[in-house]
N, C-alpha and C. Protein backbone atom coordinates (compact mmCIF):
# COMPACT_ATOMS: atom_id res chain seq x y z
N MET A 1 107.96 -94.74 -125.68
CA MET A 1 108.61 -93.43 -125.73
C MET A 1 107.52 -92.36 -125.58
N THR A 2 107.76 -91.41 -124.71
CA THR A 2 106.78 -90.35 -124.48
C THR A 2 106.86 -89.30 -125.59
N GLU A 3 105.81 -88.47 -125.68
CA GLU A 3 105.83 -87.40 -126.68
C GLU A 3 107.00 -86.45 -126.42
N GLN A 4 107.35 -86.23 -125.15
CA GLN A 4 108.48 -85.34 -124.84
C GLN A 4 109.80 -85.94 -125.34
N GLU A 5 109.95 -87.26 -125.19
CA GLU A 5 111.16 -87.92 -125.68
C GLU A 5 111.23 -87.87 -127.21
N ILE A 6 110.08 -88.05 -127.85
CA ILE A 6 110.01 -87.96 -129.31
C ILE A 6 110.36 -86.54 -129.74
N PHE A 7 109.76 -85.54 -129.05
CA PHE A 7 110.03 -84.13 -129.36
C PHE A 7 111.53 -83.85 -129.28
N SER A 8 112.17 -84.35 -128.24
CA SER A 8 113.60 -84.12 -128.04
C SER A 8 114.42 -84.72 -129.18
N LYS A 9 114.06 -85.94 -129.58
CA LYS A 9 114.80 -86.63 -130.64
C LYS A 9 114.60 -85.92 -131.99
N VAL A 10 113.36 -85.50 -132.28
CA VAL A 10 113.08 -84.79 -133.52
C VAL A 10 113.79 -83.43 -133.51
N SER A 11 113.84 -82.79 -132.35
CA SER A 11 114.55 -81.51 -132.22
C SER A 11 116.02 -81.68 -132.57
N ASP A 12 116.62 -82.76 -132.10
CA ASP A 12 118.03 -83.02 -132.41
C ASP A 12 118.25 -83.16 -133.92
N ILE A 13 117.32 -83.84 -134.58
CA ILE A 13 117.43 -84.00 -136.04
C ILE A 13 117.32 -82.64 -136.72
N ILE A 14 116.39 -81.82 -136.26
CA ILE A 14 116.22 -80.48 -136.84
C ILE A 14 117.49 -79.65 -136.64
N LEU A 15 118.05 -79.70 -135.45
CA LEU A 15 119.25 -78.91 -135.16
C LEU A 15 120.45 -79.36 -136.00
N GLU A 16 120.51 -80.65 -136.32
CA GLU A 16 121.61 -81.17 -137.14
C GLU A 16 121.49 -80.71 -138.60
N ASN A 17 120.26 -80.47 -139.05
CA ASN A 17 120.02 -80.23 -140.47
C ASN A 17 119.63 -78.81 -140.85
N PHE A 18 119.21 -78.02 -139.87
CA PHE A 18 118.75 -76.67 -140.17
C PHE A 18 119.40 -75.67 -139.23
N ASP A 19 119.58 -74.46 -139.71
CA ASP A 19 120.17 -73.39 -138.91
C ASP A 19 119.04 -72.69 -138.15
N ILE A 20 118.81 -73.14 -136.93
CA ILE A 20 117.72 -72.58 -136.12
C ILE A 20 118.14 -72.55 -134.66
N ASP A 21 117.68 -71.54 -133.95
CA ASP A 21 117.92 -71.42 -132.51
C ASP A 21 117.06 -72.48 -131.81
N PRO A 22 117.65 -73.29 -130.94
CA PRO A 22 116.88 -74.32 -130.24
C PRO A 22 115.65 -73.77 -129.52
N ALA A 23 115.72 -72.53 -129.08
CA ALA A 23 114.58 -71.93 -128.38
C ALA A 23 113.37 -71.75 -129.29
N ASN A 24 113.60 -71.78 -130.60
CA ASN A 24 112.51 -71.60 -131.56
C ASN A 24 111.84 -72.91 -131.96
N ILE A 25 112.33 -74.01 -131.43
CA ILE A 25 111.72 -75.30 -131.76
C ILE A 25 110.59 -75.56 -130.78
N THR A 26 109.38 -75.46 -131.30
CA THR A 26 108.17 -75.70 -130.50
C THR A 26 107.27 -76.65 -131.28
N MET A 27 106.17 -77.07 -130.67
CA MET A 27 105.22 -77.94 -131.34
C MET A 27 104.58 -77.23 -132.54
N ASP A 28 104.59 -75.90 -132.54
CA ASP A 28 103.99 -75.13 -133.63
C ASP A 28 104.96 -74.86 -134.78
N LEU A 29 106.21 -75.25 -134.63
CA LEU A 29 107.21 -75.01 -135.68
C LEU A 29 106.73 -75.61 -137.00
N ASN A 30 106.68 -74.78 -138.04
CA ASN A 30 106.28 -75.24 -139.37
C ASN A 30 107.54 -75.49 -140.18
N PHE A 31 107.68 -76.69 -140.70
CA PHE A 31 108.92 -77.07 -141.38
C PHE A 31 109.21 -76.19 -142.60
N GLN A 32 108.21 -75.92 -143.41
CA GLN A 32 108.45 -75.11 -144.60
C GLN A 32 108.60 -73.63 -144.27
N ASN A 33 107.70 -73.10 -143.46
CA ASN A 33 107.71 -71.66 -143.19
C ASN A 33 108.83 -71.24 -142.24
N ASP A 34 109.01 -71.98 -141.15
CA ASP A 34 109.96 -71.58 -140.11
C ASP A 34 111.39 -72.03 -140.40
N LEU A 35 111.53 -73.12 -141.15
CA LEU A 35 112.87 -73.63 -141.46
C LEU A 35 113.30 -73.32 -142.89
N ASN A 36 112.38 -72.74 -143.65
CA ASN A 36 112.64 -72.48 -145.07
C ASN A 36 113.05 -73.76 -145.79
N ALA A 37 112.41 -74.86 -145.41
CA ALA A 37 112.74 -76.16 -145.99
C ALA A 37 112.04 -76.33 -147.33
N ASP A 38 112.81 -76.77 -148.33
CA ASP A 38 112.19 -77.06 -149.62
C ASP A 38 111.80 -78.55 -149.65
N SER A 39 111.26 -78.99 -150.77
CA SER A 39 110.77 -80.36 -150.83
C SER A 39 111.88 -81.39 -150.63
N ILE A 40 113.07 -81.11 -151.10
CA ILE A 40 114.20 -82.03 -150.90
C ILE A 40 114.58 -82.09 -149.42
N ASP A 41 114.60 -80.93 -148.76
CA ASP A 41 114.88 -80.89 -147.32
C ASP A 41 113.87 -81.74 -146.55
N ILE A 42 112.60 -81.63 -146.94
CA ILE A 42 111.54 -82.36 -146.25
C ILE A 42 111.71 -83.87 -146.45
N VAL A 43 112.01 -84.29 -147.67
CA VAL A 43 112.23 -85.72 -147.95
C VAL A 43 113.39 -86.25 -147.12
N GLU A 44 114.49 -85.51 -147.07
CA GLU A 44 115.65 -85.94 -146.27
C GLU A 44 115.31 -86.00 -144.79
N PHE A 45 114.53 -85.02 -144.32
CA PHE A 45 114.10 -84.99 -142.92
C PHE A 45 113.25 -86.21 -142.59
N VAL A 46 112.30 -86.54 -143.47
CA VAL A 46 111.44 -87.71 -143.25
C VAL A 46 112.27 -88.99 -143.23
N LEU A 47 113.25 -89.09 -144.11
CA LEU A 47 114.13 -90.27 -144.10
C LEU A 47 114.88 -90.39 -142.78
N GLU A 48 115.33 -89.25 -142.26
CA GLU A 48 116.02 -89.28 -140.96
C GLU A 48 115.07 -89.67 -139.83
N LEU A 49 113.83 -89.23 -139.92
CA LEU A 49 112.83 -89.64 -138.91
C LEU A 49 112.63 -91.15 -138.98
N GLU A 50 112.54 -91.69 -140.18
CA GLU A 50 112.36 -93.14 -140.33
C GLU A 50 113.53 -93.88 -139.70
N ASP A 51 114.75 -93.43 -139.95
CA ASP A 51 115.93 -94.08 -139.36
C ASP A 51 115.94 -93.96 -137.85
N ALA A 52 115.64 -92.77 -137.35
CA ALA A 52 115.72 -92.51 -135.91
C ALA A 52 114.68 -93.30 -135.12
N PHE A 53 113.50 -93.50 -135.72
CA PHE A 53 112.42 -94.13 -134.97
C PHE A 53 112.07 -95.53 -135.48
N GLY A 54 112.79 -96.01 -136.49
CA GLY A 54 112.56 -97.36 -136.99
C GLY A 54 111.16 -97.57 -137.52
N ALA A 55 110.59 -96.55 -138.13
CA ALA A 55 109.23 -96.64 -138.68
C ALA A 55 109.23 -96.14 -140.11
N GLU A 56 108.42 -96.78 -140.93
CA GLU A 56 108.29 -96.32 -142.31
C GLU A 56 107.17 -95.28 -142.37
N ILE A 57 107.45 -94.18 -143.04
CA ILE A 57 106.47 -93.11 -143.20
C ILE A 57 106.11 -93.04 -144.68
N SER A 58 104.85 -93.33 -144.99
CA SER A 58 104.43 -93.32 -146.40
C SER A 58 104.50 -91.89 -146.94
N ASP A 59 104.60 -91.79 -148.26
CA ASP A 59 104.63 -90.47 -148.89
C ASP A 59 103.36 -89.69 -148.56
N GLU A 60 102.23 -90.40 -148.54
CA GLU A 60 100.95 -89.76 -148.23
C GLU A 60 100.97 -89.18 -146.81
N ASP A 61 101.48 -89.96 -145.86
CA ASP A 61 101.56 -89.48 -144.47
C ASP A 61 102.58 -88.35 -144.34
N ALA A 62 103.70 -88.47 -145.04
CA ALA A 62 104.75 -87.45 -144.96
C ALA A 62 104.23 -86.09 -145.40
N GLU A 63 103.35 -86.08 -146.39
CA GLU A 63 102.78 -84.81 -146.87
C GLU A 63 101.95 -84.10 -145.80
N LYS A 64 101.45 -84.87 -144.83
CA LYS A 64 100.62 -84.31 -143.77
C LYS A 64 101.44 -83.77 -142.60
N LEU A 65 102.74 -84.03 -142.59
CA LEU A 65 103.59 -83.61 -141.49
C LEU A 65 104.11 -82.19 -141.76
N ALA A 66 103.32 -81.20 -141.40
CA ALA A 66 103.69 -79.82 -141.67
C ALA A 66 104.38 -79.15 -140.49
N THR A 67 104.05 -79.61 -139.28
CA THR A 67 104.60 -78.98 -138.07
C THR A 67 105.29 -80.00 -137.19
N MET A 68 106.03 -79.49 -136.23
CA MET A 68 106.69 -80.34 -135.24
C MET A 68 105.64 -81.19 -134.51
N GLY A 69 104.53 -80.56 -134.15
CA GLY A 69 103.46 -81.28 -133.46
C GLY A 69 102.92 -82.43 -134.29
N ASP A 70 102.76 -82.19 -135.60
CA ASP A 70 102.28 -83.25 -136.50
C ASP A 70 103.24 -84.43 -136.46
N ALA A 71 104.53 -84.15 -136.55
CA ALA A 71 105.53 -85.21 -136.57
C ALA A 71 105.57 -85.98 -135.26
N VAL A 72 105.53 -85.26 -134.14
CA VAL A 72 105.59 -85.91 -132.82
C VAL A 72 104.36 -86.80 -132.62
N ARG A 73 103.17 -86.28 -132.92
CA ARG A 73 101.94 -87.07 -132.74
C ARG A 73 101.92 -88.28 -133.68
N TYR A 74 102.39 -88.09 -134.91
CA TYR A 74 102.42 -89.19 -135.88
C TYR A 74 103.33 -90.32 -135.37
N ILE A 75 104.53 -89.96 -134.95
CA ILE A 75 105.48 -90.97 -134.46
C ILE A 75 104.93 -91.66 -133.22
N ALA A 76 104.33 -90.89 -132.33
CA ALA A 76 103.74 -91.49 -131.11
C ALA A 76 102.65 -92.48 -131.47
N SER A 77 101.83 -92.15 -132.47
CA SER A 77 100.73 -93.04 -132.85
C SER A 77 101.25 -94.33 -133.48
N LYS A 78 102.38 -94.26 -134.16
CA LYS A 78 102.96 -95.44 -134.78
C LYS A 78 103.64 -96.36 -133.77
N GLN A 79 103.96 -95.83 -132.61
CA GLN A 79 104.63 -96.64 -131.58
C GLN A 79 103.63 -97.29 -130.63
N ALA A 80 102.38 -96.87 -130.73
CA ALA A 80 101.35 -97.39 -129.81
C ALA A 80 101.04 -98.85 -130.11
């Protein structure tokens, strides 16, 4: 799966869970600042990423996923 395909899939998850204009979803999107996501939102988002990509994301790694770019690169690295 390419980074663009991962980006698209993660974007779909964000659109399902947060009230945001699709045009505002970029690699620089910060989950807490731009989506006003609290810790529970982030945990639920990470669980959805795990389901969507069939990969387990440790709590330690999840804490490092602050932006869309972080999430896309992390998922890409786990699929390599």
